[in-house]
Amino acid sequence: MEPTELELTIRTGNRERQRLHRKRQKQKRARALKAQRLACERAERSRRGPHFFGESSPGRNASTFAEELQIHREFLRALGKEDVENGETLRTVAKRAFEAWLKGPYACRSCGPPFYAPAFDRFRQQFDPDFGFGIGDAPFEDIWRSPKDCTGDELIDVAALPKLSKLSKGKPEKLEPTVEQAAPTPSLPAPIPQQQPNAINFAWIPPGAQRYLHSG
């Protein structure tokens, strides 16, 4: 017996509802996986304590001459470059550190901008092989700003500089991310302060780093 027109309409409506239900379930699973990945990345980022160029702590720019000079010296040592030399200023040291950072280990300029530069771990005094930042192509002279307590052009008294802390002789610890199981109906995590740029692994630009990224 042939189905009636009403029965065909009901069957068609049921199939459409099933299709839409499967689509919603697929989208729900995709959102859950994305939320899980972002939560894992934030936890790993927090655990590693990564520093951007010129930061005295993660997400916080150095606010004094001494703070900024210290982090540049640590960058230079980790990159195998010379420490502060006679006749240098904070500006020249910062430029050396910045340019060496963009050409150093784990950095990538084969595509972009944004280019990729690794985060710095001040605790281990080494660059992170897995986490970093997206960097524009503006020249150093256009983006660097001195701290408020100096002009950046004062000569540095090399003899008065404190010694850098000794490096650990142990092998660098390879941190492995801990992935937690997604809950059946996970809630979306708090949004990341700035959109993740496309780069090696994952990279972000901390909101406090604007002094190094914009000329204004």
C-alpha atoms as a PDB file:
ATOM      1  CA  MET A   1       0.000   0.000   0.000  1.00  0.00           C
ATOM      2  CA  GLU A   2       1.436   3.309  -1.062  1.00  0.00           C
ATOM      3  CA  PRO A   3       1.966   5.884   1.764  1.00  0.00           C
ATOM      4  CA  THR A   4      -0.307   8.836   1.719  1.00  0.00           C
ATOM      5  CA  GLU A   5       0.903  12.341   1.050  1.00  0.00           C
ATOM      6  CA  LEU A   6       0.533  13.131   4.761  1.00  0.00           C
ATOM      7  CA  GLU A   7       2.643  10.137   5.746  1.00  0.00           C
ATOM      8  CA  LEU A   8       5.348  11.142   3.246  1.00  0.00           C
ATOM      9  CA  THR A   9       5.351  14.643   4.679  1.00  0.00           C
ATOM     10  CA  ILE A  10       5.715  13.280   8.227  1.00  0.00           C
ATOM     11  CA  ARG A  11       8.562  10.974   7.198  1.00  0.00           C
ATOM     12  CA  THR A  12      10.370  13.814   5.448  1.00  0.00           C
ATOM     13  CA  GLY A  13       9.961  16.014   8.520  1.00  0.00           C
ATOM     14  CA  ASN A  14      11.319  13.252  10.786  1.00  0.00           C
ATOM     15  CA  ARG A  15      14.379  12.741   8.585  1.00  0.00           C
ATOM     16  CA  GLU A  16      15.059  16.477   8.588  1.00  0.00           C
ATOM     17  CA  ARG A  17      14.752  16.652  12.367  1.00  0.00           C
ATOM     18  CA  GLN A  18      17.163  13.730  12.706  1.00  0.00           C
ATOM     19  CA  ARG A  19      19.630  15.408  10.355  1.00  0.00           C
ATOM     20  CA  LEU A  20      19.491  18.671  12.301  1.00  0.00           C
ATOM     21  CA  HIS A  21      19.870  16.775  15.590  1.00  0.00           C
ATOM     22  CA  ARG A  22      23.011  14.998  14.327  1.00  0.00           C
ATOM     23  CA  LYS A  23      24.378  18.332  13.093  1.00  0.00           C
ATOM     24  CA  ARG A  24      23.816  19.958  16.492  1.00  0.00           C
ATOM     25  CA  GLN A  25      25.471  17.025  18.264  1.00  0.00           C
ATOM     26  CA  LYS A  26      28.486  17.282  15.956  1.00  0.00           C
ATOM     27  CA  GLN A  27      28.799  21.030  16.610  1.00  0.00           C
ATOM     28  CA  LYS A  28      28.460  20.429  20.345  1.00  0.00           C
ATOM     29  CA  ARG A  29      31.297  17.885  20.299  1.00  0.00           C
ATOM     30  CA  ALA A  30      33.473  20.270  18.255  1.00  0.00           C
ATOM     31  CA  ARG A  31      32.874  23.098  20.760  1.00  0.00           C
ATOM     32  CA  ALA A  32      33.706  20.773  23.648  1.00  0.00           C
ATOM     33  CA  LEU A  33      36.983  19.735  22.033  1.00  0.00           C
ATOM     34  CA  LYS A  34      37.895  23.360  21.289  1.00  0.00           C
ATOM     35  CA  ALA A  35      37.099  24.409  24.860  1.00  0.00           C
ATOM     36  CA  GLN A  36      39.225  21.553  26.172  1.00  0.00           C
ATOM     37  CA  ARG A  37      42.158  22.505  23.940  1.00  0.00           C
ATOM     38  CA  LEU A  38      42.041  26.188  24.906  1.00  0.00           C
ATOM     39  CA  ALA A  39      41.810  25.317  28.606  1.00  0.00           C
ATOM     40  CA  CYS A  40      44.817  23.038  28.245  1.00  0.00           C
ATOM     41  CA  GLU A  41      46.794  25.753  26.448  1.00  0.00           C
ATOM     42  CA  ARG A  42      45.999  28.335  29.126  1.00  0.00           C
ATOM     43  CA  ALA A  43      47.002  25.944  31.899  1.00  0.00           C
ATOM     44  CA  GLU A  44      50.255  25.120  30.118  1.00  0.00           C
ATOM     45  CA  ARG A  45      50.969  28.784  29.448  1.00  0.00           C
ATOM     46  CA  SER A  46      50.438  29.608  33.117  1.00  0.00           C
ATOM     47  CA  ARG A  47      52.626  26.708  34.241  1.00  0.00           C
ATOM     48  CA  ARG A  48      55.547  27.728  32.029  1.00  0.00           C
ATOM     49  CA  GLY A  49      55.454  31.425  32.958  1.00  0.00           C
ATOM     50  CA  PRO A  50      56.514  32.672  29.491  1.00  0.00           C
ATOM     51  CA  HIS A  51      57.982  36.157  29.064  1.00  0.00           C
ATOM     52  CA  PHE A  52      57.652  38.422  26.050  1.00  0.00           C
ATOM     53  CA  PHE A  53      60.497  40.728  25.030  1.00  0.00           C
ATOM     54  CA  GLY A  54      61.051  43.420  27.676  1.00  0.00           C
ATOM     55  CA  GLU A  55      58.741  41.883  30.290  1.00  0.00           C
ATOM     56  CA  SER A  56      59.779  41.666  33.940  1.00  0.00           C
ATOM     57  CA  SER A  57      56.966  39.173  34.569  1.00  0.00           C
ATOM     58  CA  PRO A  58      54.515  37.439  32.202  1.00  0.00           C
ATOM     59  CA  GLY A  59      52.207  40.061  30.721  1.00  0.00           C
ATOM     60  CA  ARG A  60      53.911  42.984  32.528  1.00  0.00           C
ATOM     61  CA  ASN A  61      56.424  45.280  30.818  1.00  0.00           C
ATOM     62  CA  ALA A  62      59.536  46.271  32.706  1.00  0.00           C
ATOM     63  CA  SER A  63      58.788  49.706  34.163  1.00  0.00           C
ATOM     64  CA  THR A  64      62.292  50.856  35.142  1.00  0.00           C
ATOM     65  CA  PHE A  65      65.727  51.090  33.581  1.00  0.00           C
ATOM     66  CA  ALA A  66      67.090  48.384  35.907  1.00  0.00           C
ATOM     67  CA  GLU A  67      64.227  45.952  35.245  1.00  0.00           C
ATOM     68  CA  GLU A  68      64.446  46.251  31.491  1.00  0.00           C
ATOM     69  CA  LEU A  69      68.220  46.041  31.348  1.00  0.00           C
ATOM     70  CA  GLN A  70      68.098  42.874  33.458  1.00  0.00           C
ATOM     71  CA  ILE A  71      65.728  41.020  31.136  1.00  0.00           C
ATOM     72  CA  HIS A  72      67.699  42.094  28.045  1.00  0.00           C
ATOM     73  CA  ARG A  73      70.890  40.754  29.618  1.00  0.00           C
ATOM     74  CA  GLU A  74      69.155  37.445  30.309  1.00  0.00           C
ATOM     75  CA  PHE A  75      67.920  37.284  26.707  1.00  0.00           C
ATOM     76  CA  LEU A  76      71.416  37.968  25.375  1.00  0.00           C
ATOM     77  CA  ARG A  77      72.995  35.281  27.545  1.00  0.00           C
ATOM     78  CA  ALA A  78      70.379  32.691  26.566  1.00  0.00           C
ATOM     79  CA  LEU A  79      71.020  33.564  22.900  1.00  0.00           C
ATOM     80  CA  GLY A  80      74.789  33.189  23.297  1.00  0.00           C
ATOM     81  CA  LYS A  81      75.464  36.901  22.773  1.00  0.00           C
ATOM     82  CA  GLU A  82      77.801  39.275  24.577  1.00  0.00           C
ATOM     83  CA  ASP A  83      76.674  40.964  27.780  1.00  0.00           C
ATOM     84  CA  VAL A  84      76.545  44.758  28.041  1.00  0.00           C
ATOM     85  CA  GLU A  85      79.695  46.334  26.625  1.00  0.00           C
ATOM     86  CA  ASN A  86      81.381  49.655  27.341  1.00  0.00           C
ATOM     87  CA  GLY A  87      79.737  52.554  25.544  1.00  0.00           C
ATOM     88  CA  GLU A  88      76.339  50.907  25.276  1.00  0.00           C
ATOM     89  CA  THR A  89      73.001  52.362  26.324  1.00  0.00           C
ATOM     90  CA  LEU A  90      69.729  50.704  27.220  1.00  0.00           C
ATOM     91  CA  ARG A  91      68.531  51.445  23.688  1.00  0.00           C
ATOM     92  CA  THR A  92      71.479  49.704  22.015  1.00  0.00           C
ATOM     93  CA  VAL A  93      71.305  46.714  24.374  1.00  0.00           C
ATOM     94  CA  ALA A  94      67.558  46.384  23.793  1.00  0.00           C
ATOM     95  CA  LYS A  95      68.076  46.511  20.019  1.00  0.00           C
ATOM     96  CA  ARG A  96      70.759  43.825  20.146  1.00  0.00           C
ATOM     97  CA  ALA A  97      68.547  41.593  22.262  1.00  0.00           C
ATOM     98  CA  PHE A  98      65.487  42.161  20.083  1.00  0.00           C
ATOM     99  CA  GLU A  99      67.242  41.435  16.791  1.00  0.00           C
ATOM    100  CA  ALA A 100      69.028  38.384  18.200  1.00  0.00           C
ATOM    101  CA  TRP A 101      65.714  37.081  19.588  1.00  0.00           C
ATOM    102  CA  LEU A 102      64.046  37.233  16.170  1.00  0.00           C
ATOM    103  CA  LYS A 103      66.936  35.297  14.603  1.00  0.00           C
ATOM    104  CA  GLY A 104      67.636  32.903  17.455  1.00  0.00           C
ATOM    105  CA  PRO A 105      66.619  29.308  18.184  1.00  0.00           C
ATOM    106  CA  TYR A 106      62.945  28.445  17.613  1.00  0.00           C
ATOM    107  CA  ALA A 107      62.259  31.771  15.860  1.00  0.00           C
ATOM    108  CA  CYS A 108      60.695  31.606  12.402  1.00  0.00           C
ATOM    109  CA  ARG A 109      60.636  34.290   9.699  1.00  0.00           C
ATOM    110  CA  SER A 110      59.967  32.030   6.717  1.00  0.00           C
ATOM    111  CA  CYS A 111      56.367  33.221   6.555  1.00  0.00           C
ATOM    112  CA  GLY A 112      54.416  36.164   7.884  1.00  0.00           C
ATOM    113  CA  PRO A 113      54.102  38.722   9.266  1.00  0.00           C
ATOM    114  CA  PRO A 114      53.294  38.032  11.970  1.00  0.00           C
ATOM    115  CA  PHE A 115      56.593  36.227  12.473  1.00  0.00           C
ATOM    116  CA  TYR A 116      57.191  33.818  15.332  1.00  0.00           C
ATOM    117  CA  ALA A 117      59.550  34.286  18.284  1.00  0.00           C
ATOM    118  CA  PRO A 118      59.831  31.961  21.296  1.00  0.00           C
ATOM    119  CA  ALA A 119      58.774  32.852  24.821  1.00  0.00           C
ATOM    120  CA  PHE A 120      61.447  33.146  27.501  1.00  0.00           C
ATOM    121  CA  ASP A 121      61.381  31.179  30.736  1.00  0.00           C
ATOM    122  CA  ARG A 122      63.124  33.321  33.373  1.00  0.00           C
ATOM    123  CA  PHE A 123      63.096  30.515  35.912  1.00  0.00           C
ATOM    124  CA  ARG A 124      65.090  28.183  33.666  1.00  0.00           C
ATOM    125  CA  GLN A 125      66.778  31.023  31.777  1.00  0.00           C
ATOM    126  CA  GLN A 126      66.036  29.481  28.410  1.00  0.00           C
ATOM    127  CA  PHE A 127      63.705  29.939  25.478  1.00  0.00           C
ATOM    128  CA  ASP A 128      60.634  27.765  25.271  1.00  0.00           C
ATOM    129  CA  PRO A 129      60.613  25.361  22.285  1.00  0.00           C
ATOM    130  CA  ASP A 130      56.809  25.095  22.287  1.00  0.00           C
ATOM    131  CA  PHE A 131      55.331  28.497  23.155  1.00  0.00           C
ATOM    132  CA  GLY A 132      55.926  31.912  21.663  1.00  0.00           C
ATOM    133  CA  PHE A 133      54.542  35.127  20.189  1.00  0.00           C
ATOM    134  CA  GLY A 134      53.430  36.604  16.886  1.00  0.00           C
ATOM    135  CA  ILE A 135      55.643  39.587  15.987  1.00  0.00           C
ATOM    136  CA  GLY A 136      55.039  42.272  13.365  1.00  0.00           C
ATOM    137  CA  ASP A 137      57.635  43.498  10.888  1.00  0.00           C
ATOM    138  CA  ALA A 138      58.040  47.082  12.149  1.00  0.00           C
ATOM    139  CA  PRO A 139      61.713  48.058  12.721  1.00  0.00           C
ATOM    140  CA  PHE A 140      62.974  48.274  16.288  1.00  0.00           C
ATOM    141  CA  GLU A 141      63.354  52.066  16.119  1.00  0.00           C
ATOM    142  CA  ASP A 142      59.616  52.439  15.484  1.00  0.00           C
ATOM    143  CA  ILE A 143      58.384  50.231  18.276  1.00  0.00           C
ATOM    144  CA  TRP A 144      60.772  50.586  21.210  1.00  0.00           C
ATOM    145  CA  ARG A 145      59.963  53.007  24.026  1.00  0.00           C
ATOM    146  CA  SER A 146      62.212  53.613  27.015  1.00  0.00           C
ATOM    147  CA  PRO A 147      60.956  53.188  30.590  1.00  0.00           C
ATOM    148  CA  LYS A 148      59.666  56.317  32.285  1.00  0.00           C
ATOM    149  CA  ASP A 149      62.715  56.724  34.550  1.00  0.00           C
ATOM    150  CA  CYS A 150      65.232  57.218  31.699  1.00  0.00           C
ATOM    151  CA  THR A 151      65.617  58.309  28.100  1.00  0.00           C
ATOM    152  CA  GLY A 152      67.272  55.057  27.074  1.00  0.00           C
ATOM    153  CA  ASP A 153      70.374  56.881  25.829  1.00  0.00           C
ATOM    154  CA  GLU A 154      72.316  57.127  29.099  1.00  0.00           C
ATOM    155  CA  LEU A 155      75.642  55.276  29.055  1.00  0.00           C
ATOM    156  CA  ILE A 156      75.579  52.121  31.144  1.00  0.00           C
ATOM    157  CA  ASP A 157      78.171  51.779  33.898  1.00  0.00           C
ATOM    158  CA  VAL A 158      79.341  48.271  33.046  1.00  0.00           C
ATOM    159  CA  ALA A 159      81.504  47.979  36.174  1.00  0.00           C
ATOM    160  CA  ALA A 160      78.483  48.604  38.405  1.00  0.00           C
ATOM    161  CA  LEU A 161      76.262  45.947  36.834  1.00  0.00           C
ATOM    162  CA  PRO A 162      75.296  43.037  39.106  1.00  0.00           C
ATOM    163  CA  LYS A 163      76.298  39.568  38.020  1.00  0.00           C
ATOM    164  CA  LEU A 164      73.645  37.465  36.380  1.00  0.00           C
ATOM    165  CA  SER A 165      72.436  34.492  38.380  1.00  0.00           C
ATOM    166  CA  LYS A 166      74.163  31.197  37.663  1.00  0.00           C
ATOM    167  CA  LEU A 167      72.538  28.823  35.243  1.00  0.00           C
ATOM    168  CA  SER A 168      71.400  25.405  36.376  1.00  0.00           C
ATOM    169  CA  LYS A 169      73.683  22.606  35.186  1.00  0.00           C
ATOM    170  CA  GLY A 170      70.792  20.163  35.036  1.00  0.00           C
ATOM    171  CA  LYS A 171      69.144  19.239  31.771  1.00  0.00           C
ATOM    172  CA  PRO A 172      66.175  21.426  30.826  1.00  0.00           C
ATOM    173  CA  GLU A 173      62.938  19.879  31.943  1.00  0.00           C
ATOM    174  CA  LYS A 174      60.600  18.954  29.112  1.00  0.00           C
ATOM    175  CA  LEU A 175      57.134  19.907  30.258  1.00  0.00           C
ATOM    176  CA  GLU A 176      54.352  17.722  28.994  1.00  0.00           C
ATOM    177  CA  PRO A 177      50.851  19.204  28.835  1.00  0.00           C
ATOM    178  CA  THR A 178      48.243  17.568  31.005  1.00  0.00           C
ATOM    179  CA  VAL A 179      45.022  16.963  29.112  1.00  0.00           C
ATOM    180  CA  GLU A 180      41.902  16.700  31.202  1.00  0.00           C
ATOM    181  CA  GLN A 181      38.841  14.798  30.081  1.00  0.00           C
ATOM    182  CA  ALA A 182      36.104  17.015  28.734  1.00  0.00           C
ATOM    183  CA  ALA A 183      32.912  17.064  30.776  1.00  0.00           C
ATOM    184  CA  PRO A 184      29.724  15.865  29.055  1.00  0.00           C
ATOM    185  CA  THR A 185      28.402  19.434  28.842  1.00  0.00           C
ATOM    186  CA  PRO A 186      31.432  21.695  29.345  1.00  0.00           C
ATOM    187  CA  SER A 187      31.036  25.401  29.817  1.00  0.00           C
ATOM    188  CA  LEU A 188      33.125  27.633  27.620  1.00  0.00           C
ATOM    189  CA  PRO A 189      36.255  29.002  29.372  1.00  0.00           C
ATOM    190  CA  ALA A 190      36.940  32.689  29.817  1.00  0.00           C
ATOM    191  CA  PRO A 191      38.074  34.225  26.517  1.00  0.00           C
ATOM    192  CA  ILE A 192      41.795  34.640  25.861  1.00  0.00           C
ATOM    193  CA  PRO A 193      42.713  38.363  26.071  1.00  0.00           C
ATOM    194  CA  GLN A 194      43.782  38.495  22.438  1.00  0.00           C
ATOM    195  CA  GLN A 195      43.144  36.259  19.459  1.00  0.00           C
ATOM    196  CA  GLN A 196      45.717  33.546  18.856  1.00  0.00           C
ATOM    197  CA  PRO A 197      47.733  34.359  15.720  1.00  0.00           C
ATOM    198  CA  ASN A 198      48.762  31.628  13.290  1.00  0.00           C
ATOM    199  CA  ALA A 199      52.257  30.521  14.242  1.00  0.00           C
ATOM    200  CA  ILE A 200      54.321  27.476  15.201  1.00  0.00           C
ATOM    201  CA  ASN A 201      52.399  25.539  17.852  1.00  0.00           C
ATOM    202  CA  PHE A 202      50.506  28.343  19.555  1.00  0.00           C
ATOM    203  CA  ALA A 203      51.412  31.952  20.089  1.00  0.00           C
ATOM    204  CA  TRP A 204      49.763  34.970  21.593  1.00  0.00           C
ATOM    205  CA  ILE A 205      50.503  38.632  22.215  1.00  0.00           C
ATOM    206  CA  PRO A 206      50.087  39.657  25.846  1.00  0.00           C
ATOM    207  CA  PRO A 207      47.930  42.749  26.351  1.00  0.00           C
ATOM    208  CA  GLY A 208      50.734  44.567  28.189  1.00  0.00           C
ATOM    209  CA  ALA A 209      53.164  44.278  25.292  1.00  0.00           C
ATOM    210  CA  GLN A 210      51.743  47.115  23.224  1.00  0.00           C
ATOM    211  CA  ARG A 211      54.749  49.355  23.910  1.00  0.00           C
ATOM    212  CA  TYR A 212      56.840  47.026  21.724  1.00  0.00           C
ATOM    213  CA  LEU A 213      54.275  46.381  19.024  1.00  0.00           C
ATOM    214  CA  HIS A 214      52.957  49.820  18.111  1.00  0.00           C
ATOM    215  CA  SER A 215      54.671  53.066  17.398  1.00  0.00           C
ATOM    216  CA  GLY A 216      51.853  55.089  18.996  1.00  0.00           C
END
